[in-house]
All heavy atoms as atom14 arrays in JSON, in Angstrom:
{
  "sequence": "IAPAIEDADFIAAARALLPAEPWNQTTWAEWTNLLKTQTNRKGRALYH",
  "atom14_mask": [
    [1, 1, 1, 1, 1, 1, 1, 1, 0, 0, 0, 0, 0, 0],
    [1, 1, 1, 1, 1, 0, 0, 0, 0, 0, 0, 0, 0, 0],
    [1, 1, 1, 1, 1, 1, 1, 0, 0, 0, 0, 0, 0, 0],
    [1, 1, 1, 1, 1, 0, 0, 0, 0, 0, 0, 0, 0, 0],
    [1, 1, 1, 1, 1, 1, 1, 1, 0, 0, 0, 0, 0, 0],
    [1, 1, 1, 1, 1, 1, 1, 1, 1, 0, 0, 0, 0, 0],
    [1, 1, 1, 1, 1, 1, 1, 1, 0, 0, 0, 0, 0, 0],
    [1, 1, 1, 1, 1, 0, 0, 0, 0, 0, 0, 0, 0, 0],
    [1, 1, 1, 1, 1, 1, 1, 1, 0, 0, 0, 0, 0, 0],
    [1, 1, 1, 1, 1, 1, 1, 1, 1, 1, 1, 0, 0, 0],
    [1, 1, 1, 1, 1, 1, 1, 1, 0, 0, 0, 0, 0, 0],
    [1, 1, 1, 1, 1, 0, 0, 0, 0, 0, 0, 0, 0, 0],
    [1, 1, 1, 1, 1, 0, 0, 0, 0, 0, 0, 0, 0, 0],
    [1, 1, 1, 1, 1, 0, 0, 0, 0, 0, 0, 0, 0, 0],
    [1, 1, 1, 1, 1, 1, 1, 1, 1, 1, 1, 0, 0, 0],
    [1, 1, 1, 1, 1, 0, 0, 0, 0, 0, 0, 0, 0, 0],
    [1, 1, 1, 1, 1, 1, 1, 1, 0, 0, 0, 0, 0, 0],
    [1, 1, 1, 1, 1, 1, 1, 1, 0, 0, 0, 0, 0, 0],
    [1, 1, 1, 1, 1, 1, 1, 0, 0, 0, 0, 0, 0, 0],
    [1, 1, 1, 1, 1, 0, 0, 0, 0, 0, 0, 0, 0, 0],
    [1, 1, 1, 1, 1, 1, 1, 1, 1, 0, 0, 0, 0, 0],
    [1, 1, 1, 1, 1, 1, 1, 0, 0, 0, 0, 0, 0, 0],
    [1, 1, 1, 1, 1, 1, 1, 1, 1, 1, 1, 1, 1, 1],
    [1, 1, 1, 1, 1, 1, 1, 1, 0, 0, 0, 0, 0, 0],
    [1, 1, 1, 1, 1, 1, 1, 1, 1, 0, 0, 0, 0, 0],
    [1, 1, 1, 1, 1, 1, 1, 0, 0, 0, 0, 0, 0, 0],
    [1, 1, 1, 1, 1, 1, 1, 0, 0, 0, 0, 0, 0, 0],
    [1, 1, 1, 1, 1, 1, 1, 1, 1, 1, 1, 1, 1, 1],
    [1, 1, 1, 1, 1, 0, 0, 0, 0, 0, 0, 0, 0, 0],
    [1, 1, 1, 1, 1, 1, 1, 1, 1, 0, 0, 0, 0, 0],
    [1, 1, 1, 1, 1, 1, 1, 1, 1, 1, 1, 1, 1, 1],
    [1, 1, 1, 1, 1, 1, 1, 0, 0, 0, 0, 0, 0, 0],
    [1, 1, 1, 1, 1, 1, 1, 1, 0, 0, 0, 0, 0, 0],
    [1, 1, 1, 1, 1, 1, 1, 1, 0, 0, 0, 0, 0, 0],
    [1, 1, 1, 1, 1, 1, 1, 1, 0, 0, 0, 0, 0, 0],
    [1, 1, 1, 1, 1, 1, 1, 1, 1, 0, 0, 0, 0, 0],
    [1, 1, 1, 1, 1, 1, 1, 0, 0, 0, 0, 0, 0, 0],
    [1, 1, 1, 1, 1, 1, 1, 1, 1, 0, 0, 0, 0, 0],
    [1, 1, 1, 1, 1, 1, 1, 0, 0, 0, 0, 0, 0, 0],
    [1, 1, 1, 1, 1, 1, 1, 1, 0, 0, 0, 0, 0, 0],
    [1, 1, 1, 1, 1, 1, 1, 1, 1, 1, 1, 0, 0, 0],
    [1, 1, 1, 1, 1, 1, 1, 1, 1, 0, 0, 0, 0, 0],
    [1, 1, 1, 1, 0, 0, 0, 0, 0, 0, 0, 0, 0, 0],
    [1, 1, 1, 1, 1, 1, 1, 1, 1, 1, 1, 0, 0, 0],
    [1, 1, 1, 1, 1, 0, 0, 0, 0, 0, 0, 0, 0, 0],
    [1, 1, 1, 1, 1, 1, 1, 1, 0, 0, 0, 0, 0, 0],
    [1, 1, 1, 1, 1, 1, 1, 1, 1, 1, 1, 1, 0, 0],
    [1, 1, 1, 1, 1, 1, 1, 1, 1, 1, 0, 0, 0, 0]
  ],
  "atom14_positions": [
    [[70.14, 154.78, 140.07], [69.72, 155.61, 141.2], [70.9, 155.84, 142.13], [71.88, 155.08, 142.13], [68.57, 154.95, 142.0], [69.05, 153.65, 142.65], [67.35, 154.71, 141.13], [68.14, 153.17, 143.75], [0.0, 0.0, 0.0], [0.0, 0.0, 0.0], [0.0, 0.0, 0.0], [0.0, 0.0, 0.0], [0.0, 0.0, 0.0], [0.0, 0.0, 0.0]],
    [[70.81, 156.89, 142.91], [71.83, 157.18, 143.92], [71.4, 156.52, 145.22], [70.34, 156.84, 145.76], [71.99, 158.68, 144.11], [0.0, 0.0, 0.0], [0.0, 0.0, 0.0], [0.0, 0.0, 0.0], [0.0, 0.0, 0.0], [0.0, 0.0, 0.0], [0.0, 0.0, 0.0], [0.0, 0.0, 0.0], [0.0, 0.0, 0.0], [0.0, 0.0, 0.0]],
    [[72.18, 155.57, 145.76], [71.78, 154.9, 146.99], [71.92, 155.84, 148.2], [72.65, 156.82, 148.15], [72.76, 153.74, 147.09], [73.99, 154.22, 146.38], [73.48, 155.08, 145.26], [0.0, 0.0, 0.0], [0.0, 0.0, 0.0], [0.0, 0.0, 0.0], [0.0, 0.0, 0.0], [0.0, 0.0, 0.0], [0.0, 0.0, 0.0], [0.0, 0.0, 0.0]],
    [[71.2, 155.52, 149.24], [71.3, 156.26, 150.5], [71.88, 155.31, 151.54], [71.24, 154.33, 151.91], [69.94, 156.78, 150.92], [0.0, 0.0, 0.0], [0.0, 0.0, 0.0], [0.0, 0.0, 0.0], [0.0, 0.0, 0.0], [0.0, 0.0, 0.0], [0.0, 0.0, 0.0], [0.0, 0.0, 0.0], [0.0, 0.0, 0.0], [0.0, 0.0, 0.0]],
    [[73.11, 155.57, 151.98], [73.78, 154.69, 152.94], [73.56, 155.23, 154.35], [74.07, 156.29, 154.71], [75.29, 154.58, 152.63], [75.5, 154.12, 151.18], [75.96, 153.62, 153.61], [74.9, 152.78, 150.84], [0.0, 0.0, 0.0], [0.0, 0.0, 0.0], [0.0, 0.0, 0.0], [0.0, 0.0, 0.0], [0.0, 0.0, 0.0], [0.0, 0.0, 0.0]],
    [[72.78, 154.51, 155.12], [72.43, 154.96, 156.47], [73.43, 154.46, 157.52], [73.71, 155.14, 158.51], [71.03, 154.46, 156.81], [70.48, 154.96, 158.13], [69.06, 154.46, 158.38], [68.87, 153.25, 158.65], [68.14, 155.29, 158.29], [0.0, 0.0, 0.0], [0.0, 0.0, 0.0], [0.0, 0.0, 0.0], [0.0, 0.0, 0.0], [0.0, 0.0, 0.0]],
    [[73.99, 153.26, 157.34], [74.9, 152.65, 158.3], [75.97, 151.92, 157.51], [75.78, 150.79, 157.07], [74.12, 151.68, 159.2], [74.97, 151.08, 160.31], [76.17, 150.86, 160.08], [74.41, 150.8, 161.39], [0.0, 0.0, 0.0], [0.0, 0.0, 0.0], [0.0, 0.0, 0.0], [0.0, 0.0, 0.0], [0.0, 0.0, 0.0], [0.0, 0.0, 0.0]],
    [[77.08, 152.57, 157.31], [78.1, 152.08, 156.39], [78.64, 150.71, 156.79], [78.83, 149.84, 155.93], [79.25, 153.08, 156.29], [0.0, 0.0, 0.0], [0.0, 0.0, 0.0], [0.0, 0.0, 0.0], [0.0, 0.0, 0.0], [0.0, 0.0, 0.0], [0.0, 0.0, 0.0], [0.0, 0.0, 0.0], [0.0, 0.0, 0.0], [0.0, 0.0, 0.0]],
    [[78.89, 150.48, 158.09], [79.45, 149.19, 158.52], [78.45, 148.06, 158.27], [78.82, 146.98, 157.79], [79.81, 149.25, 160.01], [80.99, 150.15, 160.27], [81.75, 150.44, 159.32], [81.16, 150.61, 161.43], [0.0, 0.0, 0.0], [0.0, 0.0, 0.0], [0.0, 0.0, 0.0], [0.0, 0.0, 0.0], [0.0, 0.0, 0.0], [0.0, 0.0, 0.0]],
    [[77.17, 148.32, 158.59], [76.16, 147.28, 158.38], [75.99, 146.99, 156.89], [75.88, 145.83, 156.47], [74.83, 147.73, 158.99], [73.69, 146.82, 158.65], [73.64, 145.52, 159.14], [72.66, 147.25, 157.81], [72.59, 144.67, 158.82], [71.62, 146.42, 157.48], [71.57, 145.12, 157.99], [0.0, 0.0, 0.0], [0.0, 0.0, 0.0], [0.0, 0.0, 0.0]],
    [[75.98, 148.04, 156.07], [75.82, 147.85, 154.63], [77.02, 147.11, 154.04], [76.87, 146.27, 153.14], [75.6, 149.21, 153.94], [74.26, 149.82, 154.36], [75.65, 149.06, 152.42], [73.05, 148.96, 154.03], [0.0, 0.0, 0.0], [0.0, 0.0, 0.0], [0.0, 0.0, 0.0], [0.0, 0.0, 0.0], [0.0, 0.0, 0.0], [0.0, 0.0, 0.0]],
    [[78.23, 147.36, 154.57], [79.41, 146.63, 154.1], [79.28, 145.14, 154.42], [79.62, 144.27, 153.61], [80.67, 147.21, 154.73], [0.0, 0.0, 0.0], [0.0, 0.0, 0.0], [0.0, 0.0, 0.0], [0.0, 0.0, 0.0], [0.0, 0.0, 0.0], [0.0, 0.0, 0.0], [0.0, 0.0, 0.0], [0.0, 0.0, 0.0], [0.0, 0.0, 0.0]],
    [[78.78, 144.84, 155.61], [78.56, 143.44, 155.99], [77.5, 142.8, 155.09], [77.63, 141.63, 154.69], [78.14, 143.37, 157.46], [0.0, 0.0, 0.0], [0.0, 0.0, 0.0], [0.0, 0.0, 0.0], [0.0, 0.0, 0.0], [0.0, 0.0, 0.0], [0.0, 0.0, 0.0], [0.0, 0.0, 0.0], [0.0, 0.0, 0.0], [0.0, 0.0, 0.0]],
    [[76.47, 143.56, 154.77], [75.42, 143.05, 153.89], [75.96, 142.76, 152.51], [75.62, 141.73, 151.88], [74.28, 144.06, 153.81], [0.0, 0.0, 0.0], [0.0, 0.0, 0.0], [0.0, 0.0, 0.0], [0.0, 0.0, 0.0], [0.0, 0.0, 0.0], [0.0, 0.0, 0.0], [0.0, 0.0, 0.0], [0.0, 0.0, 0.0], [0.0, 0.0, 0.0]],
    [[76.85, 143.64, 152.02], [77.42, 143.43, 150.69], [78.27, 142.16, 150.66], [78.25, 141.38, 149.71], [78.27, 144.65, 150.3], [78.83, 144.55, 148.88], [79.6, 145.8, 148.49], [80.86, 145.93, 149.22], [81.1, 146.81, 150.18], [80.16, 147.68, 150.55], [82.28, 146.87, 150.79], [0.0, 0.0, 0.0], [0.0, 0.0, 0.0], [0.0, 0.0, 0.0]],
    [[79.01, 141.94, 151.74], [79.87, 140.75, 151.81], [79.06, 139.46, 151.82], [79.57, 138.41, 151.4], [80.75, 140.84, 153.05], [0.0, 0.0, 0.0], [0.0, 0.0, 0.0], [0.0, 0.0, 0.0], [0.0, 0.0, 0.0], [0.0, 0.0, 0.0], [0.0, 0.0, 0.0], [0.0, 0.0, 0.0], [0.0, 0.0, 0.0], [0.0, 0.0, 0.0]],
    [[77.83, 139.52, 152.29], [76.99, 138.32, 152.38], [76.03, 138.14, 151.21], [75.19, 137.24, 151.23], [76.2, 138.34, 153.69], [77.01, 138.18, 154.98], [76.11, 138.36, 156.2], [77.7, 136.82, 155.02], [0.0, 0.0, 0.0], [0.0, 0.0, 0.0], [0.0, 0.0, 0.0], [0.0, 0.0, 0.0], [0.0, 0.0, 0.0], [0.0, 0.0, 0.0]],
    [[76.14, 139.01, 150.2], [75.25, 138.88, 149.04], [75.35, 137.48, 148.44], [76.45, 137.02, 148.12], [75.61, 139.89, 147.96], [74.91, 141.25, 147.97], [75.44, 142.1, 146.82], [73.4, 141.1, 147.86], [0.0, 0.0, 0.0], [0.0, 0.0, 0.0], [0.0, 0.0, 0.0], [0.0, 0.0, 0.0], [0.0, 0.0, 0.0], [0.0, 0.0, 0.0]],
    [[74.24, 136.8, 148.27], [74.28, 135.45, 147.69], [74.68, 135.49, 146.21], [74.56, 136.52, 145.53], [72.83, 134.95, 147.83], [72.18, 135.87, 148.81], [72.88, 137.18, 148.68], [0.0, 0.0, 0.0], [0.0, 0.0, 0.0], [0.0, 0.0, 0.0], [0.0, 0.0, 0.0], [0.0, 0.0, 0.0], [0.0, 0.0, 0.0], [0.0, 0.0, 0.0]],
    [[75.17, 134.39, 145.75], [75.46, 134.26, 144.32], [74.16, 134.12, 143.54], [73.13, 133.7, 144.07], [76.34, 133.04, 144.09], [0.0, 0.0, 0.0], [0.0, 0.0, 0.0], [0.0, 0.0, 0.0], [0.0, 0.0, 0.0], [0.0, 0.0, 0.0], [0.0, 0.0, 0.0], [0.0, 0.0, 0.0], [0.0, 0.0, 0.0], [0.0, 0.0, 0.0]],
    [[74.19, 134.54, 142.28], [73.03, 134.34, 141.42], [72.99, 132.9, 140.93], [74.02, 132.2, 141.01], [73.08, 135.32, 140.25], [72.84, 136.76, 140.68], [72.8, 137.74, 139.51], [73.68, 137.66, 138.64], [71.9, 138.59, 139.51], [0.0, 0.0, 0.0], [0.0, 0.0, 0.0], [0.0, 0.0, 0.0], [0.0, 0.0, 0.0], [0.0, 0.0, 0.0]],
    [[71.87, 132.38, 140.46], [70.61, 133.1, 140.15], [69.81, 133.44, 141.41], [69.85, 132.73, 142.4], [69.86, 132.1, 139.28], [70.35, 130.76, 139.74], [71.79, 130.95, 140.1], [0.0, 0.0, 0.0], [0.0, 0.0, 0.0], [0.0, 0.0, 0.0], [0.0, 0.0, 0.0], [0.0, 0.0, 0.0], [0.0, 0.0, 0.0], [0.0, 0.0, 0.0]],
    [[69.06, 134.58, 141.28], [68.22, 135.05, 142.37], [66.75, 134.78, 142.04], [66.33, 134.82, 140.88], [68.41, 136.55, 142.6], [69.68, 136.89, 143.31], [70.64, 136.03, 143.73], [70.11, 138.2, 143.67], [71.67, 136.7, 144.35], [71.37, 138.05, 144.34], [69.59, 139.48, 143.51], [72.09, 139.14, 144.84], [70.3, 140.57, 144.01], [71.53, 140.4, 144.67]],
    [[65.98, 134.54, 143.11], [64.54, 134.35, 142.94], [63.81, 134.95, 144.15], [64.41, 135.7, 144.94], [64.2, 132.87, 142.74], [64.72, 132.02, 143.88], [64.72, 132.45, 145.04], [65.16, 130.81, 143.58], [0.0, 0.0, 0.0], [0.0, 0.0, 0.0], [0.0, 0.0, 0.0], [0.0, 0.0, 0.0], [0.0, 0.0, 0.0], [0.0, 0.0, 0.0]],
    [[62.56, 134.6, 144.3], [61.74, 135.2, 145.36], [62.21, 134.81, 146.77], [61.84, 135.46, 147.74], [60.27, 134.77, 145.18], [59.62, 135.28, 143.91], [59.15, 136.72, 144.02], [58.86, 137.2, 145.11], [59.07, 137.42, 142.89], [0.0, 0.0, 0.0], [0.0, 0.0, 0.0], [0.0, 0.0, 0.0], [0.0, 0.0, 0.0], [0.0, 0.0, 0.0]],
    [[63.03, 133.78, 146.89], [63.51, 133.36, 148.22], [64.84, 134.0, 148.59], [65.29, 133.88, 149.73], [63.65, 131.83, 148.28], [64.7, 131.41, 147.41], [62.34, 131.15, 147.89], [0.0, 0.0, 0.0], [0.0, 0.0, 0.0], [0.0, 0.0, 0.0], [0.0, 0.0, 0.0], [0.0, 0.0, 0.0], [0.0, 0.0, 0.0], [0.0, 0.0, 0.0]],
    [[65.48, 134.67, 147.64], [66.82, 135.21, 147.88], [66.83, 136.23, 149.01], [67.74, 136.24, 149.85], [67.36, 135.84, 146.58], [67.4, 134.85, 145.56], [68.76, 136.41, 146.8], [0.0, 0.0, 0.0], [0.0, 0.0, 0.0], [0.0, 0.0, 0.0], [0.0, 0.0, 0.0], [0.0, 0.0, 0.0], [0.0, 0.0, 0.0], [0.0, 0.0, 0.0]],
    [[65.83, 137.1, 149.03], [65.77, 138.14, 150.07], [65.73, 137.53, 151.46], [66.48, 137.94, 152.36], [64.54, 139.02, 149.83], [64.23, 139.98, 150.94], [63.23, 139.88, 151.85], [64.92, 141.2, 151.25], [63.24, 140.94, 152.71], [64.27, 141.78, 152.36], [66.01, 141.85, 150.69], [64.67, 142.97, 152.94], [66.42, 143.05, 151.27], [65.77, 143.61, 152.37]],
    [[64.9, 136.52, 151.66], [64.79, 135.9, 152.98], [66.09, 135.2, 153.36], [66.54, 135.28, 154.52], [63.62, 134.91, 153.0], [0.0, 0.0, 0.0], [0.0, 0.0, 0.0], [0.0, 0.0, 0.0], [0.0, 0.0, 0.0], [0.0, 0.0, 0.0], [0.0, 0.0, 0.0], [0.0, 0.0, 0.0], [0.0, 0.0, 0.0], [0.0, 0.0, 0.0]],
    [[66.73, 134.51, 152.4], [67.98, 133.82, 152.68], [69.08, 134.82, 153.09], [69.81, 134.58, 154.07], [68.42, 133.04, 151.45], [67.49, 131.88, 151.08], [67.76, 131.34, 149.69], [68.68, 131.88, 149.01], [67.04, 130.41, 149.26], [0.0, 0.0, 0.0], [0.0, 0.0, 0.0], [0.0, 0.0, 0.0], [0.0, 0.0, 0.0], [0.0, 0.0, 0.0]],
    [[69.14, 135.91, 152.36], [70.17, 136.93, 152.62], [69.95, 137.61, 153.97], [70.88, 137.73, 154.78], [70.15, 137.94, 151.47], [71.13, 139.06, 151.56], [72.42, 138.99, 152.02], [70.93, 140.41, 151.16], [73.04, 140.21, 151.93], [72.13, 141.11, 151.4], [69.85, 141.08, 150.6], [72.28, 142.46, 151.11], [70.0, 142.43, 150.31], [71.18, 143.12, 150.57]],
    [[68.75, 138.03, 154.23], [68.48, 138.76, 155.49], [68.55, 137.83, 156.7], [68.9, 138.29, 157.81], [67.11, 139.47, 155.43], [66.1, 138.52, 155.08], [67.12, 140.6, 154.41], [0.0, 0.0, 0.0], [0.0, 0.0, 0.0], [0.0, 0.0, 0.0], [0.0, 0.0, 0.0], [0.0, 0.0, 0.0], [0.0, 0.0, 0.0], [0.0, 0.0, 0.0]],
    [[68.27, 136.56, 156.51], [68.44, 135.62, 157.63], [69.92, 135.48, 158.0], [70.27, 135.41, 159.19], [67.84, 134.25, 157.29], [66.33, 134.25, 157.39], [65.74, 135.06, 158.11], [65.69, 133.34, 156.67], [0.0, 0.0, 0.0], [0.0, 0.0, 0.0], [0.0, 0.0, 0.0], [0.0, 0.0, 0.0], [0.0, 0.0, 0.0], [0.0, 0.0, 0.0]],
    [[70.8, 135.44, 156.99], [72.23, 135.41, 157.25], [72.68, 136.67, 157.99], [73.46, 136.61, 158.96], [73.0, 135.29, 155.94], [73.07, 133.92, 155.27], [73.71, 134.03, 153.9], [73.86, 132.94, 156.15], [0.0, 0.0, 0.0], [0.0, 0.0, 0.0], [0.0, 0.0, 0.0], [0.0, 0.0, 0.0], [0.0, 0.0, 0.0], [0.0, 0.0, 0.0]],
    [[72.17, 137.82, 157.51], [72.51, 139.09, 158.15], [72.02, 139.14, 159.59], [72.72, 139.63, 160.49], [71.88, 140.25, 157.36], [72.71, 140.86, 156.24], [71.87, 141.83, 155.43], [73.94, 141.56, 156.82], [0.0, 0.0, 0.0], [0.0, 0.0, 0.0], [0.0, 0.0, 0.0], [0.0, 0.0, 0.0], [0.0, 0.0, 0.0], [0.0, 0.0, 0.0]],
    [[70.84, 138.63, 159.83], [70.26, 138.63, 161.18], [71.15, 137.8, 162.13], [71.43, 138.22, 163.26], [68.84, 138.05, 161.13], [68.1, 138.13, 162.45], [66.76, 137.41, 162.36], [65.86, 138.0, 161.3], [64.53, 137.33, 161.28], [0.0, 0.0, 0.0], [0.0, 0.0, 0.0], [0.0, 0.0, 0.0], [0.0, 0.0, 0.0], [0.0, 0.0, 0.0]],
    [[71.6, 136.67, 161.63], [72.45, 135.8, 162.46], [73.8, 136.47, 162.76], [74.29, 136.42, 163.89], [72.68, 134.46, 161.74], [71.43, 133.84, 161.51], [73.58, 133.54, 162.55], [0.0, 0.0, 0.0], [0.0, 0.0, 0.0], [0.0, 0.0, 0.0], [0.0, 0.0, 0.0], [0.0, 0.0, 0.0], [0.0, 0.0, 0.0], [0.0, 0.0, 0.0]],
    [[74.39, 137.13, 161.74], [75.72, 137.7, 161.93], [75.7, 138.99, 162.73], [76.62, 139.26, 163.51], [76.37, 137.94, 160.57], [77.76, 138.58, 160.65], [78.5, 138.52, 159.34], [78.5, 137.47, 158.69], [79.15, 139.61, 158.96], [0.0, 0.0, 0.0], [0.0, 0.0, 0.0], [0.0, 0.0, 0.0], [0.0, 0.0, 0.0], [0.0, 0.0, 0.0]],
    [[74.65, 139.81, 162.57], [74.64, 141.15, 163.18], [73.71, 141.26, 164.38], [73.72, 142.28, 165.07], [74.21, 142.2, 162.14], [72.85, 141.93, 161.75], [75.12, 142.16, 160.92], [0.0, 0.0, 0.0], [0.0, 0.0, 0.0], [0.0, 0.0, 0.0], [0.0, 0.0, 0.0], [0.0, 0.0, 0.0], [0.0, 0.0, 0.0], [0.0, 0.0, 0.0]],
    [[72.87, 140.26, 164.59], [71.86, 140.3, 165.66], [70.84, 141.42, 165.47], [70.19, 141.85, 166.43], [72.51, 140.44, 167.05], [73.26, 139.19, 167.44], [72.78, 138.07, 167.19], [74.44, 139.35, 168.01], [0.0, 0.0, 0.0], [0.0, 0.0, 0.0], [0.0, 0.0, 0.0], [0.0, 0.0, 0.0], [0.0, 0.0, 0.0], [0.0, 0.0, 0.0]],
    [[70.73, 141.91, 164.26], [69.71, 142.94, 163.97], [68.4, 142.26, 163.57], [68.39, 141.16, 163.03], [70.16, 143.86, 162.84], [71.32, 144.76, 163.19], [71.46, 145.84, 162.14], [72.59, 146.72, 162.4], [72.64, 147.99, 162.04], [71.59, 148.54, 161.41], [73.7, 148.72, 162.29], [0.0, 0.0, 0.0], [0.0, 0.0, 0.0], [0.0, 0.0, 0.0]],
    [[67.32, 142.99, 163.79], [66.02, 142.53, 163.33], [65.1, 143.73, 163.13], [65.42, 144.85, 163.54], [65.4, 141.56, 164.34], [65.21, 142.13, 165.72], [64.67, 141.06, 166.67], [64.47, 141.62, 168.08], [63.95, 140.59, 169.0], [0.0, 0.0, 0.0], [0.0, 0.0, 0.0], [0.0, 0.0, 0.0], [0.0, 0.0, 0.0], [0.0, 0.0, 0.0]],
    [[63.93, 143.48, 162.53], [62.94, 144.54, 162.31], [63.49, 145.67, 161.48], [64.27, 145.48, 160.54], [0.0, 0.0, 0.0], [0.0, 0.0, 0.0], [0.0, 0.0, 0.0], [0.0, 0.0, 0.0], [0.0, 0.0, 0.0], [0.0, 0.0, 0.0], [0.0, 0.0, 0.0], [0.0, 0.0, 0.0], [0.0, 0.0, 0.0], [0.0, 0.0, 0.0]],
    [[63.12, 146.88, 161.83], [63.49, 148.07, 161.06], [65.01, 148.25, 160.99], [65.55, 148.65, 159.97], [62.84, 149.31, 161.68], [63.15, 150.61, 160.94], [62.45, 151.8, 161.57], [62.89, 153.06, 160.98], [62.38, 153.58, 159.87], [61.41, 152.95, 159.23], [62.83, 154.72, 159.39], [0.0, 0.0, 0.0], [0.0, 0.0, 0.0], [0.0, 0.0, 0.0]],
    [[65.68, 147.93, 162.06], [67.14, 148.11, 162.07], [67.81, 147.23, 161.03], [68.89, 147.56, 160.51], [67.69, 147.8, 163.46], [0.0, 0.0, 0.0], [0.0, 0.0, 0.0], [0.0, 0.0, 0.0], [0.0, 0.0, 0.0], [0.0, 0.0, 0.0], [0.0, 0.0, 0.0], [0.0, 0.0, 0.0], [0.0, 0.0, 0.0], [0.0, 0.0, 0.0]],
    [[67.19, 146.09, 160.73], [67.73, 145.19, 159.72], [67.32, 145.6, 158.31], [68.16, 145.69, 157.4], [67.25, 143.77, 160.01], [67.59, 142.68, 158.98], [69.09, 142.47, 158.91], [66.86, 141.39, 159.32], [0.0, 0.0, 0.0], [0.0, 0.0, 0.0], [0.0, 0.0, 0.0], [0.0, 0.0, 0.0], [0.0, 0.0, 0.0], [0.0, 0.0, 0.0]],
    [[66.05, 145.88, 158.14], [65.5, 146.04, 156.79], [65.6, 147.46, 156.22], [65.82, 147.63, 155.02], [64.03, 145.6, 156.76], [63.83, 144.17, 157.18], [63.07, 143.84, 158.29], [64.43, 143.14, 156.46], [62.9, 142.51, 158.66], [64.27, 141.81, 156.83], [63.5, 141.5, 157.94], [63.34, 140.2, 158.32], [0.0, 0.0, 0.0], [0.0, 0.0, 0.0]],
    [[65.45, 148.47, 157.06], [65.37, 149.84, 156.54], [66.66, 150.29, 155.87], [66.62, 150.88, 154.77], [64.97, 150.8, 157.66], [64.67, 152.18, 157.17], [65.49, 153.25, 157.43], [63.65, 152.66, 156.39], [64.99, 154.34, 156.87], [63.87, 154.0, 156.24], [0.0, 0.0, 0.0], [0.0, 0.0, 0.0], [0.0, 0.0, 0.0], [0.0, 0.0, 0.0]]
  ]
}
């Protein structure tokens, strides 16, 4: 698929924080919690 990049700087930070595999059902929460701490984003601004 062709991704849609809405906020390039935020997405670059998210890519840098991608956890190592293996991934499971808890990976999303672990990753977004790290992003929340580093960027102070939450809600739609974080997830969308």
